[in-house]
Amino acid sequence: MHHHQKEAQASAEKKEVKPAPVEPLYPSTTLPDGQVVPGHVPYLIVGAGTTSVAAFRAIKSADPKAKILVVSGEGEEPYMRPPLSKELWYSDNPDSPTQLKFKQWNGKTRSLYFEHHQYYTPTSELLTRVNGGVSILKNKKVVKIDPTFKTAFLDDGTAVRYDKCLIATGGRPKSLAVIDHAEESVRSNTTLFRGIKSYQRLEKVVSQGKHITIVGGGFLGSELACAIGHKSKKTGGSVTQVFPEIGNMGKVLPEYLCKWTTEKVKNEGVDVITQAYVKKASATPSGRVKLELNNGRIIETDHVVIAVGLSPNVELAATSGLELDEKQGGFRVNAELEARSNLWVAGDAACFYDLRLGRRRVEHHDHAIVSGRLAGENMTGTGKPYWHQSMFWSDLGPDVGYEAIGIVDSTLPTVGVFAKATIKDTPKAVVEQTGEGVRSITEAQATTVSTTPDAATTMKNSTVPHPPEEGEQYGKGVVFYLRDKKVVGLLLWNVFNKMPVARKVLKEGKSYDDLSEVAKLFSLHSDQ
């Protein structure tokens, strides 16, 4: 055969050879409970919290036919955490704890779950559905990831290949050594508050009119103290709160505001013990818990709630060769939230590089949404860095609430500007106005970025930002947090729908000298 004939034959043969389909390395596995673990998925999300939801929504919007497998260790479909320490406690419906429906401050009822059950694709159908879908694999844990071979291994040894993977493992509540070392009856009367099950369990105890002691003075501890204090008025129970700071949210709020807030919490009927910690915990003969404090006080209580922060769930670091941040905890990721190629981390467990404020780890609902969305977008190929500052909010009941952005740390110098509040300046009023209880959503709906001061705004007593005056009722106001005389954080106290303004101030890196002008942007003295 001539040379050119050989070539022609070879090229004809080449045309006939169809590329062999790439076989997944692992077969799909059917588990004893009927769930199916696909051998290969385009998108894998480890964890089923808020971050996970934000990520799969972002993936679906960029890639509508995406096939996404979410692994839920908790065995629940994704749900919102904020109402567990806020609105659910204010419900008069005896079925709230089982139905997990709550009334927002405006009276509108909604479910704790992000999506209806029908939204999710059964795991057995994920690979065959033409339009893809989101499947939740329940009661399973990913124990190891091999980023080189893009493979995740479950606790039962099953393996899943992925194209893109997101670690959204969140965190778990920290405990206290004194409780861990106490006898069994003390531990069984203690709740580390985090998810649906801990809420349901605690709600049962509270509804029996028991005495509850909350250890912790941060967001969660203070919200729970107010919420349970409110509910205990009806049940005949009582609440004590213990923490080492000088007042509620002492790590965040400047001293004067922190002390004033503590008075608000006391108004809910809570016995607040500041500058104290638990030295010893033991069981009483009647089966209650005895707490001995460092200041000599002794509390006898029915149930202890620990709310002293989160430990990020980072067990995967050791098995999967991922880097942790020694200072802040969490998986170290770059500004695009990547730990390794095709592997992202978002939410509570991520220690990310913020282009404006440096390396950070944030434990808040809105950050879970912002970072989850960014990771989802980047998993579909966007390659965006983290720049959209997440905000966070806290409501101490329907009448006092705040929103904050950036680095809000009470050890930084602060400048506060306050004014008299009107009836409109409450969390309840915002929800009535917008119909939405999750503040990061109301904030997103507020588009009014007015950069010219309202001409009608006369800054009474604060043409120069004045330190808050003794005995002032902090109705509403703005607190600026400064580092090297630059604004690195803002806290809006009963000032709502102004987050776009705050975000702009932060982005522009305003300095101390601009503050009297900047304060005017928040129209504190107008009734609008």
Protein backbone atom coordinates (compact mmCIF):
# COMPACT_ATOMS: atom_id res chain seq x y z
CA MET A 1 0.00 0.00 0.00
CA HIS A 2 1.36 3.38 -0.94
CA HIS A 3 2.32 5.82 1.69
CA HIS A 4 -0.48 8.31 0.88
CA GLN A 5 -3.06 5.46 0.83
CA LYS A 6 -1.92 4.46 4.30
CA GLU A 7 -2.39 8.04 5.44
CA ALA A 8 -5.87 8.23 3.92
CA GLN A 9 -6.85 4.95 5.56
CA ALA A 10 -5.44 6.11 8.87
CA SER A 11 -7.35 9.40 8.72
CA ALA A 12 -10.55 7.52 7.75
CA GLU A 13 -10.06 5.25 10.74
CA LYS A 14 -9.44 8.29 12.89
CA LYS A 15 -12.79 9.73 11.86
CA GLU A 16 -14.59 6.55 12.83
CA VAL A 17 -13.06 6.37 16.31
CA LYS A 18 -15.47 8.11 18.67
CA PRO A 19 -13.89 9.41 21.87
CA ALA A 20 -14.64 6.90 24.60
CA PRO A 21 -16.90 8.33 27.31
CA VAL A 22 -14.88 9.15 30.43
CA GLU A 23 -15.96 6.52 32.93
CA PRO A 24 -16.29 7.82 36.46
CA LEU A 25 -13.67 6.22 38.65
CA TYR A 26 -16.31 5.21 41.14
CA PRO A 27 -19.70 3.59 40.63
CA SER A 28 -22.85 5.12 42.14
CA THR A 29 -23.67 3.49 45.46
CA THR A 30 -27.11 2.83 46.91
CA LEU A 31 -27.08 3.17 50.68
CA PRO A 32 -29.17 0.97 53.03
CA ASP A 33 -31.63 3.87 53.56
CA GLY A 34 -32.30 4.10 49.81
CA GLN A 35 -30.24 7.25 49.21
CA VAL A 36 -27.86 7.11 46.24
CA VAL A 37 -24.31 8.47 46.29
CA PRO A 38 -23.36 9.35 42.69
CA GLY A 39 -19.88 8.20 41.65
CA HIS A 40 -19.26 11.56 40.01
CA VAL A 41 -20.97 14.95 40.33
CA PRO A 42 -20.21 18.27 38.64
CA TYR A 43 -20.74 20.23 41.89
CA LEU A 44 -20.26 18.95 45.43
CA ILE A 45 -21.10 21.04 48.51
CA VAL A 46 -19.97 19.77 51.92
CA GLY A 47 -22.41 21.07 54.55
CA ALA A 48 -26.05 22.13 54.30
CA GLY A 49 -26.28 25.48 56.09
CA THR A 50 -26.94 29.01 54.88
CA THR A 51 -23.65 29.18 52.95
CA SER A 52 -24.61 26.07 51.03
CA VAL A 53 -27.97 27.56 49.97
CA ALA A 54 -26.39 30.80 48.78
CA ALA A 55 -23.83 28.79 46.81
CA PHE A 56 -26.27 26.43 45.09
CA ARG A 57 -28.59 29.31 44.20
CA ALA A 58 -25.64 31.16 42.61
CA ILE A 59 -24.53 28.03 40.74
CA LYS A 60 -28.08 27.41 39.43
CA SER A 61 -28.45 30.98 38.27
CA ALA A 62 -25.17 30.82 36.29
CA ASP A 63 -25.57 27.20 35.18
CA PRO A 64 -29.33 26.42 35.19
CA LYS A 65 -28.86 22.70 34.41
CA ALA A 66 -26.22 22.19 37.10
CA LYS A 67 -26.22 18.92 39.03
CA ILE A 68 -25.38 19.70 42.64
CA LEU A 69 -24.96 17.26 45.53
CA VAL A 70 -25.14 18.71 49.05
CA VAL A 71 -23.94 16.52 51.92
CA SER A 72 -25.84 17.24 55.16
CA GLY A 73 -24.29 15.87 58.34
CA GLU A 74 -27.13 17.29 60.41
CA GLY A 75 -29.68 15.33 58.40
CA GLU A 76 -31.86 18.40 57.87
CA GLU A 77 -32.73 20.30 54.73
CA PRO A 78 -31.12 23.76 54.87
CA TYR A 79 -32.77 26.18 57.30
CA MET A 80 -32.23 29.70 58.68
CA ARG A 81 -30.53 30.05 62.03
CA PRO A 82 -31.30 33.68 63.06
CA PRO A 83 -34.97 33.07 64.04
CA LEU A 84 -33.86 30.31 66.46
CA SER A 85 -32.59 33.01 68.81
CA LYS A 86 -35.07 35.73 67.79
CA GLU A 87 -38.62 35.48 66.40
CA LEU A 88 -39.41 31.83 67.27
CA TRP A 89 -39.38 32.72 70.98
CA TYR A 90 -41.97 35.48 70.51
CA SER A 91 -44.55 33.16 68.94
CA ASP A 92 -47.80 32.42 70.77
CA ASN A 93 -48.48 29.36 68.64
CA PRO A 94 -47.87 26.18 70.70
CA ASP A 95 -47.03 24.32 67.47
CA SER A 96 -44.17 26.66 66.49
CA PRO A 97 -41.41 24.41 67.89
CA THR A 98 -42.61 21.39 65.89
CA GLN A 99 -43.83 23.13 62.73
CA LEU A 100 -40.79 25.45 62.76
CA LYS A 101 -42.86 28.34 61.49
CA PHE A 102 -42.39 31.77 63.02
CA LYS A 103 -43.98 35.17 62.84
CA GLN A 104 -41.79 38.01 61.70
CA TRP A 105 -42.03 41.23 63.73
CA ASN A 106 -44.75 42.37 61.29
CA GLY A 107 -46.91 39.32 61.97
CA LYS A 108 -46.30 37.54 58.65
CA THR A 109 -45.69 33.80 59.09
CA ARG A 110 -42.85 32.01 57.36
CA SER A 111 -41.05 28.68 57.56
CA LEU A 112 -37.58 28.20 58.98
CA TYR A 113 -36.64 26.12 55.93
CA PHE A 114 -35.20 27.96 52.93
CA GLU A 115 -37.04 25.86 50.33
CA HIS A 116 -40.04 23.53 50.11
CA HIS A 117 -39.20 19.84 50.29
CA GLN A 118 -40.26 19.49 46.61
CA TYR A 119 -37.51 21.88 45.53
CA TYR A 120 -34.86 19.19 46.04
CA THR A 121 -34.20 16.35 43.60
CA PRO A 122 -34.08 12.84 45.13
CA THR A 123 -30.45 11.62 45.13
CA SER A 124 -31.47 8.65 42.96
CA GLU A 125 -32.56 11.02 40.15
CA LEU A 126 -29.79 13.63 40.23
CA LEU A 127 -27.65 12.21 37.41
CA THR A 128 -30.55 11.34 35.10
CA ARG A 129 -32.50 14.60 35.30
CA VAL A 130 -31.92 16.55 32.11
CA ASN A 131 -32.39 19.89 33.87
CA GLY A 132 -30.19 18.91 36.78
CA GLY A 133 -31.13 19.86 40.32
CA VAL A 134 -30.01 20.07 43.92
CA SER A 135 -29.94 16.86 45.96
CA ILE A 136 -29.40 16.59 49.70
CA LEU A 137 -27.54 13.51 50.91
CA LYS A 138 -28.60 13.29 54.57
CA ASN A 139 -26.83 12.02 57.70
CA LYS A 140 -23.50 11.63 55.92
CA LYS A 141 -20.16 13.27 56.55
CA VAL A 142 -17.31 13.94 54.17
CA VAL A 143 -14.21 12.84 56.12
CA LYS A 144 -11.51 13.37 53.52
CA ILE A 145 -10.98 15.26 50.26
CA ASP A 146 -8.22 14.52 47.78
CA PRO A 147 -7.86 17.83 45.88
CA THR A 148 -5.39 16.33 43.38
CA PHE A 149 -7.80 13.63 42.22
CA LYS A 150 -10.88 15.74 42.97
CA THR A 151 -12.42 13.02 45.14
CA ALA A 152 -14.36 13.20 48.40
CA PHE A 153 -14.68 10.25 50.77
CA LEU A 154 -17.68 9.77 53.05
CA ASP A 155 -17.65 8.32 56.57
CA ASP A 156 -18.77 4.93 55.22
CA GLY A 157 -15.87 4.78 52.74
CA THR A 158 -17.97 5.72 49.69
CA ALA A 159 -16.11 7.95 47.22
CA VAL A 160 -17.47 10.76 45.01
CA ARG A 161 -15.56 12.42 42.17
CA TYR A 162 -16.33 16.09 41.72
CA ASP A 163 -15.49 18.79 39.18
CA LYS A 164 -15.91 21.64 41.67
CA CYS A 165 -16.22 21.38 45.44
CA LEU A 166 -17.20 23.82 48.19
CA ILE A 167 -16.47 23.24 51.86
CA ALA A 168 -19.24 24.93 53.87
CA THR A 169 -18.92 23.03 57.12
CA GLY A 170 -19.74 25.98 59.39
CA GLY A 171 -18.91 25.73 63.06
CA ARG A 172 -20.01 24.16 66.28
CA PRO A 173 -20.65 25.91 69.59
CA LYS A 174 -17.71 26.11 71.98
CA SER A 175 -18.21 24.51 75.35
CA LEU A 176 -16.74 25.37 78.74
CA ALA A 177 -14.18 23.13 80.44
CA VAL A 178 -15.97 23.48 83.80
CA ILE A 179 -19.12 21.98 82.27
CA ASP A 180 -17.24 19.28 80.32
CA HIS A 181 -15.55 18.13 83.54
CA ALA A 182 -18.71 18.18 85.65
CA GLU A 183 -20.88 15.14 86.35
CA GLU A 184 -23.30 13.68 83.81
CA SER A 185 -26.43 15.33 85.28
CA VAL A 186 -24.81 18.76 84.83
CA ARG A 187 -23.93 18.00 81.21
CA SER A 188 -27.40 16.65 80.49
CA ASN A 189 -28.90 19.92 81.78
CA THR A 190 -26.69 22.02 79.50
CA THR A 191 -27.42 23.16 75.94
CA LEU A 192 -24.77 24.28 73.48
CA PHE A 193 -27.11 26.39 71.37
CA ARG A 194 -26.80 26.06 67.60
CA GLY A 195 -29.45 24.22 65.57
CA ILE A 196 -33.10 23.16 65.43
CA LYS A 197 -32.65 20.33 67.92
CA SER A 198 -31.06 22.55 70.58
CA TYR A 199 -33.84 25.15 70.09
CA GLN A 200 -36.57 22.52 70.47
CA ARG A 201 -34.97 21.06 73.55
CA LEU A 202 -34.47 24.42 75.23
CA GLU A 203 -37.97 25.60 74.32
CA LYS A 204 -39.42 22.61 76.20
CA VAL A 205 -37.49 23.52 79.36
CA VAL A 206 -38.41 27.22 79.09
CA SER A 207 -42.11 26.48 78.56
CA GLN A 208 -42.13 24.55 81.85
CA GLY A 209 -41.30 27.82 83.64
CA LYS A 210 -37.81 26.78 84.68
CA HIS A 211 -34.85 28.92 85.68
CA ILE A 212 -32.36 29.26 82.80
CA THR A 213 -28.79 30.52 83.10
CA ILE A 214 -27.15 31.79 79.92
CA VAL A 215 -23.35 31.95 79.89
CA GLY A 216 -22.11 34.43 77.28
CA GLY A 217 -22.72 38.10 76.56
CA GLY A 218 -22.27 38.27 72.81
CA PHE A 219 -24.87 38.27 70.04
CA LEU A 220 -26.35 34.87 70.66
CA GLY A 221 -26.26 35.04 74.45
CA SER A 222 -27.84 38.50 74.52
CA GLU A 223 -30.53 37.69 71.95
CA LEU A 224 -31.44 34.51 73.80
CA ALA A 225 -31.47 36.32 77.15
CA CYS A 226 -34.00 38.85 75.78
CA ALA A 227 -36.05 36.24 73.94
CA ILE A 228 -36.23 33.75 76.81
CA GLY A 229 -36.74 36.62 79.29
CA HIS A 230 -39.74 37.71 77.22
CA LYS A 231 -41.17 34.18 77.06
CA SER A 232 -40.52 33.52 80.75
CA LYS A 233 -42.86 36.36 81.68
CA LYS A 234 -45.67 34.14 80.39
CA THR A 235 -44.36 30.83 81.70
CA GLY A 236 -43.38 32.03 85.17
CA GLY A 237 -39.73 31.14 84.55
CA SER A 238 -36.67 33.31 85.04
CA VAL A 239 -33.36 34.01 83.33
CA THR A 240 -29.87 34.83 84.57
CA GLN A 241 -27.08 35.85 82.21
CA VAL A 242 -23.38 35.66 83.15
CA PHE A 243 -20.38 36.97 81.18
CA PRO A 244 -16.93 38.50 81.76
CA GLU A 245 -17.44 41.79 79.84
CA ILE A 246 -18.72 45.03 81.43
CA GLY A 247 -22.02 44.79 79.56
CA ASN A 248 -23.94 43.05 76.80
CA MET A 249 -21.99 42.80 73.56
CA GLY A 250 -19.00 44.37 75.29
CA LYS A 251 -16.61 43.12 72.60
CA VAL A 252 -18.52 45.05 69.95
CA LEU A 253 -20.23 48.09 71.47
CA PRO A 254 -18.39 51.06 72.95
CA GLU A 255 -18.62 51.12 76.75
CA TYR A 256 -21.46 53.65 77.15
CA LEU A 257 -23.67 51.84 74.63
CA CYS A 258 -22.81 48.46 76.04
CA LYS A 259 -23.88 49.54 79.56
CA TRP A 260 -27.08 51.11 78.24
CA THR A 261 -27.89 47.92 76.31
CA THR A 262 -27.46 45.90 79.48
CA GLU A 263 -30.16 48.03 81.10
CA LYS A 264 -32.42 47.19 78.14
CA VAL A 265 -31.79 43.48 78.66
CA LYS A 266 -32.55 43.86 82.38
CA ASN A 267 -35.85 45.46 81.38
CA GLU A 268 -36.80 42.12 79.80
CA GLY A 269 -36.62 40.66 83.30
CA VAL A 270 -33.14 39.17 82.94
CA ASP A 271 -30.78 39.11 85.93
CA VAL A 272 -27.54 40.17 84.22
CA ILE A 273 -24.29 39.42 86.09
CA THR A 274 -21.39 41.23 84.38
CA GLN A 275 -17.64 40.80 84.85
CA ALA A 276 -18.10 37.22 86.05
CA TYR A 277 -17.33 33.71 84.89
CA VAL A 278 -18.23 30.20 86.07
CA LYS A 279 -15.50 28.73 88.26
CA LYS A 280 -17.22 25.45 89.15
CA ALA A 281 -20.34 23.55 88.12
CA SER A 282 -21.85 20.71 90.13
CA ALA A 283 -25.14 18.86 90.63
CA THR A 284 -27.41 19.63 93.58
CA PRO A 285 -29.10 16.78 95.50
CA SER A 286 -32.39 17.64 93.76
CA GLY A 287 -30.81 17.33 90.30
CA ARG A 288 -30.45 21.03 89.55
CA VAL A 289 -27.16 22.69 88.58
CA LYS A 290 -25.08 24.75 91.00
CA LEU A 291 -22.79 27.32 89.39
CA GLU A 292 -20.08 28.97 91.49
CA LEU A 293 -18.84 32.26 90.04
CA ASN A 294 -15.44 33.89 90.47
CA ASN A 295 -17.06 36.77 92.41
CA GLY A 296 -18.35 34.41 95.08
CA ARG A 297 -21.93 34.31 93.84
CA ILE A 298 -23.69 30.99 93.63
CA ILE A 299 -26.52 30.33 91.16
CA GLU A 300 -28.84 27.36 91.42
CA THR A 301 -30.48 26.77 88.09
CA ASP A 302 -32.51 24.19 86.13
CA HIS A 303 -30.71 24.52 82.83
CA VAL A 304 -27.50 26.10 81.50
CA VAL A 305 -27.14 27.52 77.98
CA ILE A 306 -23.62 28.08 76.68
CA ALA A 307 -23.26 30.82 74.05
CA VAL A 308 -19.54 31.62 73.96
CA GLY A 309 -18.80 31.49 70.24
CA LEU A 310 -18.05 28.94 67.56
CA SER A 311 -15.22 26.62 66.67
CA PRO A 312 -15.04 26.26 62.90
CA ASN A 313 -15.47 22.66 61.71
CA VAL A 314 -12.04 22.09 60.20
CA GLU A 315 -11.43 18.35 60.70
CA LEU A 316 -10.98 18.05 56.93
CA ALA A 317 -7.73 20.03 57.16
CA ALA A 318 -5.80 17.19 58.77
CA THR A 319 -7.12 14.45 56.46
CA SER A 320 -7.01 16.51 53.27
CA GLY A 321 -3.81 18.55 53.59
CA LEU A 322 -5.53 21.93 53.78
CA GLU A 323 -4.03 24.97 55.47
CA LEU A 324 -5.57 26.45 58.63
CA ASP A 325 -5.13 29.98 59.94
CA GLU A 326 -3.34 29.78 63.27
CA LYS A 327 -4.59 33.12 64.51
CA GLN A 328 -8.25 33.19 63.51
CA GLY A 329 -9.02 29.52 62.92
CA GLY A 330 -10.72 28.33 59.76
CA PHE A 331 -9.39 27.14 56.40
CA ARG A 332 -7.12 29.70 54.80
CA VAL A 333 -8.41 30.79 51.39
CA ASN A 334 -7.46 33.55 48.98
CA ALA A 335 -9.59 36.56 48.04
CA GLU A 336 -11.55 34.33 45.62
CA LEU A 337 -12.24 31.91 48.52
CA GLU A 338 -10.09 29.15 47.00
CA ALA A 339 -8.15 26.72 49.19
CA ARG A 340 -6.79 24.70 46.25
CA SER A 341 -7.69 24.35 42.55
CA ASN A 342 -11.40 23.55 42.16
CA LEU A 343 -11.85 23.63 45.94
CA TRP A 344 -13.46 26.60 47.73
CA VAL A 345 -14.37 27.35 51.35
CA ALA A 346 -17.03 29.86 52.49
CA GLY A 347 -19.01 30.83 55.59
CA ASP A 348 -17.96 30.40 59.24
CA ALA A 349 -15.18 27.92 58.41
CA ALA A 350 -13.35 30.19 55.94
CA CYS A 351 -10.50 32.49 56.88
CA PHE A 352 -10.47 34.66 53.78
CA TYR A 353 -8.44 37.55 52.45
CA ASP A 354 -10.52 40.73 52.35
CA LEU A 355 -9.01 43.15 49.82
CA ARG A 356 -9.85 46.15 52.01
CA LEU A 357 -9.56 44.95 55.60
CA GLY A 358 -7.02 42.10 55.45
CA ARG A 359 -7.40 38.52 56.62
CA ARG A 360 -10.67 37.82 58.42
CA ARG A 361 -13.01 35.12 59.63
CA VAL A 362 -16.65 36.13 60.11
CA GLU A 363 -19.43 34.22 61.90
CA HIS A 364 -22.67 35.85 60.76
CA HIS A 365 -25.72 34.99 58.67
CA ASP A 366 -25.13 37.63 56.01
CA HIS A 367 -21.47 36.68 55.60
CA ALA A 368 -22.59 33.08 55.04
CA ILE A 369 -24.84 34.38 52.25
CA VAL A 370 -22.32 36.81 50.73
CA SER A 371 -19.40 34.37 50.80
CA GLY A 372 -21.54 31.39 49.73
CA ARG A 373 -22.84 33.36 46.75
CA LEU A 374 -19.31 34.44 45.79
CA ALA A 375 -18.00 30.86 46.03
CA GLY A 376 -20.93 29.62 43.90
CA GLU A 377 -20.24 32.26 41.26
CA ASN A 378 -16.53 31.41 41.25
CA MET A 379 -17.31 27.68 40.97
CA THR A 380 -19.01 28.50 37.67
CA GLY A 381 -15.91 30.36 36.48
CA THR A 382 -16.38 34.01 37.49
CA GLY A 383 -13.09 34.50 39.36
CA LYS A 384 -14.31 37.41 41.49
CA PRO A 385 -12.47 38.57 44.62
CA TYR A 386 -14.22 39.22 47.95
CA TRP A 387 -15.08 42.90 48.16
CA HIS A 388 -18.78 43.14 48.99
CA GLN A 389 -18.76 43.76 52.73
CA SER A 390 -21.24 41.55 54.50
CA MET A 391 -23.25 43.20 57.25
CA PHE A 392 -24.63 41.66 60.40
CA TRP A 393 -27.48 42.55 62.64
CA SER A 394 -28.82 41.79 66.07
CA ASP A 395 -32.27 42.43 67.50
CA LEU A 396 -32.76 42.62 71.24
CA GLY A 397 -36.49 42.11 70.92
CA PRO A 398 -38.73 44.07 68.50
CA ASP A 399 -37.69 47.53 69.78
CA VAL A 400 -33.88 47.68 69.74
CA GLY A 401 -31.79 46.52 66.83
CA TYR A 402 -28.56 47.33 65.11
CA GLU A 403 -26.79 46.64 61.86
CA ALA A 404 -23.04 46.71 61.46
CA ILE A 405 -20.42 46.41 58.77
CA GLY A 406 -16.64 46.09 58.65
CA ILE A 407 -14.51 45.70 61.76
CA VAL A 408 -16.58 46.59 64.81
CA ASP A 409 -14.43 45.94 67.83
CA SER A 410 -14.81 47.80 71.11
CA THR A 411 -11.01 47.98 71.56
CA LEU A 412 -10.85 50.42 68.59
CA PRO A 413 -11.40 54.16 69.07
CA THR A 414 -15.00 55.08 68.21
CA VAL A 415 -16.96 58.23 67.47
CA GLY A 416 -20.73 58.12 68.01
CA VAL A 417 -23.47 60.46 66.82
CA PHE A 418 -26.92 60.04 68.34
CA ALA A 419 -30.39 61.48 67.98
CA LYS A 420 -33.87 61.00 69.37
CA ALA A 421 -35.65 57.98 67.89
CA THR A 422 -39.14 58.05 66.43
CA ILE A 423 -41.60 55.18 66.42
CA LYS A 424 -40.27 54.23 62.98
CA ASP A 425 -36.80 53.49 64.30
CA THR A 426 -37.30 49.90 65.47
CA PRO A 427 -36.75 46.44 63.98
CA LYS A 428 -40.54 45.94 64.10
CA ALA A 429 -41.15 49.03 61.94
CA VAL A 430 -38.61 47.91 59.32
CA VAL A 431 -40.30 44.54 58.96
CA GLU A 432 -43.71 46.20 58.76
CA GLN A 433 -42.41 48.45 56.02
CA THR A 434 -40.56 45.82 53.96
CA GLY A 435 -42.34 42.56 54.88
CA GLU A 436 -38.97 40.93 55.39
CA GLY A 437 -37.40 39.78 58.67
CA VAL A 438 -33.93 38.78 57.54
CA ARG A 439 -32.19 42.11 57.78
CA SER A 440 -29.55 41.37 55.19
CA ILE A 441 -32.43 41.15 52.67
CA THR A 442 -34.15 44.38 53.79
CA GLU A 443 -30.75 46.00 53.55
CA ALA A 444 -30.31 44.72 50.00
CA GLN A 445 -33.72 46.16 49.06
CA ALA A 446 -32.70 49.60 50.27
CA THR A 447 -31.27 51.32 47.25
CA THR A 448 -31.29 54.89 48.52
CA VAL A 449 -27.65 55.91 48.44
CA SER A 450 -28.07 59.62 49.03
CA THR A 451 -24.66 61.20 49.12
CA THR A 452 -25.84 64.77 49.55
CA PRO A 453 -26.79 65.64 53.09
CA ASP A 454 -30.50 66.30 53.48
CA ALA A 455 -30.84 70.07 53.50
CA ALA A 456 -33.59 69.88 56.11
CA THR A 457 -31.34 67.92 58.45
CA THR A 458 -30.14 70.16 61.20
CA MET A 459 -27.60 68.19 63.18
CA LYS A 460 -28.73 69.34 66.60
CA ASN A 461 -25.83 69.11 69.08
CA SER A 462 -23.77 67.22 66.55
CA THR A 463 -22.53 69.45 63.78
CA VAL A 464 -19.27 68.16 65.24
CA PRO A 465 -19.67 64.46 66.08
CA HIS A 466 -20.05 64.59 69.84
CA PRO A 467 -19.28 61.86 72.31
CA PRO A 468 -22.64 60.66 73.61
CA GLU A 469 -23.78 62.66 76.61
CA GLU A 470 -24.31 61.33 80.10
CA GLY A 471 -27.86 60.04 80.56
CA GLU A 472 -28.58 60.24 76.83
CA GLN A 473 -31.29 57.93 75.55
CA TYR A 474 -29.53 56.26 72.64
CA GLY A 475 -32.62 56.27 70.47
CA LYS A 476 -30.81 56.01 67.18
CA GLY A 477 -27.33 56.74 66.01
CA VAL A 478 -24.19 55.82 64.12
CA VAL A 479 -20.93 54.65 65.68
CA PHE A 480 -17.74 54.90 63.59
CA TYR A 481 -14.86 52.53 64.41
CA LEU A 482 -11.43 53.89 63.52
CA ARG A 483 -8.04 52.32 62.86
CA ASP A 484 -5.20 54.75 62.14
CA LYS A 485 -7.87 57.49 61.97
CA LYS A 486 -9.62 55.72 59.07
CA VAL A 487 -13.15 54.32 59.31
CA VAL A 488 -12.91 50.51 59.28
CA GLY A 489 -16.35 49.73 60.71
CA LEU A 490 -19.79 51.29 61.23
CA LEU A 491 -22.57 50.34 63.58
CA LEU A 492 -26.05 51.68 62.83
CA TRP A 493 -28.09 51.75 66.03
CA ASN A 494 -31.84 51.63 65.30
CA VAL A 495 -30.98 53.17 61.92
CA PHE A 496 -32.29 50.93 59.15
CA ASN A 497 -32.05 50.79 55.36
CA LYS A 498 -28.91 52.94 55.36
CA MET A 499 -26.46 50.09 54.81
CA PRO A 500 -25.71 51.21 51.21
CA VAL A 501 -24.50 54.52 52.67
CA ALA A 502 -22.38 52.72 55.30
CA ARG A 503 -20.92 50.43 52.67
CA LYS A 504 -19.94 53.43 50.54
CA VAL A 505 -18.28 55.18 53.52
CA LEU A 506 -16.28 52.04 54.27
CA LYS A 507 -15.27 51.56 50.65
CA GLU A 508 -14.05 55.15 50.38
CA GLY A 509 -11.89 54.69 53.51
CA LYS A 510 -13.08 57.97 55.06
CA SER A 511 -10.87 59.51 57.72
CA TYR A 512 -11.66 61.02 61.11
CA ASP A 513 -11.64 64.57 59.72
CA ASP A 514 -14.56 63.78 57.37
CA LEU A 515 -16.84 62.42 60.07
CA SER A 516 -19.03 65.46 60.70
CA GLU A 517 -19.92 65.49 56.98
CA VAL A 518 -20.25 61.71 56.84
CA ALA A 519 -22.63 61.67 59.82
CA LYS A 520 -25.04 63.91 57.91
CA LEU A 521 -25.49 61.23 55.25
CA PHE A 522 -27.48 59.16 57.74
CA SER A 523 -30.16 61.88 58.18
CA LEU A 524 -30.37 61.17 61.90
CA HIS A 525 -32.49 64.18 62.73
CA SER A 526 -35.03 63.89 59.97
CA ASP A 527 -38.18 61.86 60.37
CA GLN A 528 -37.93 60.19 56.99
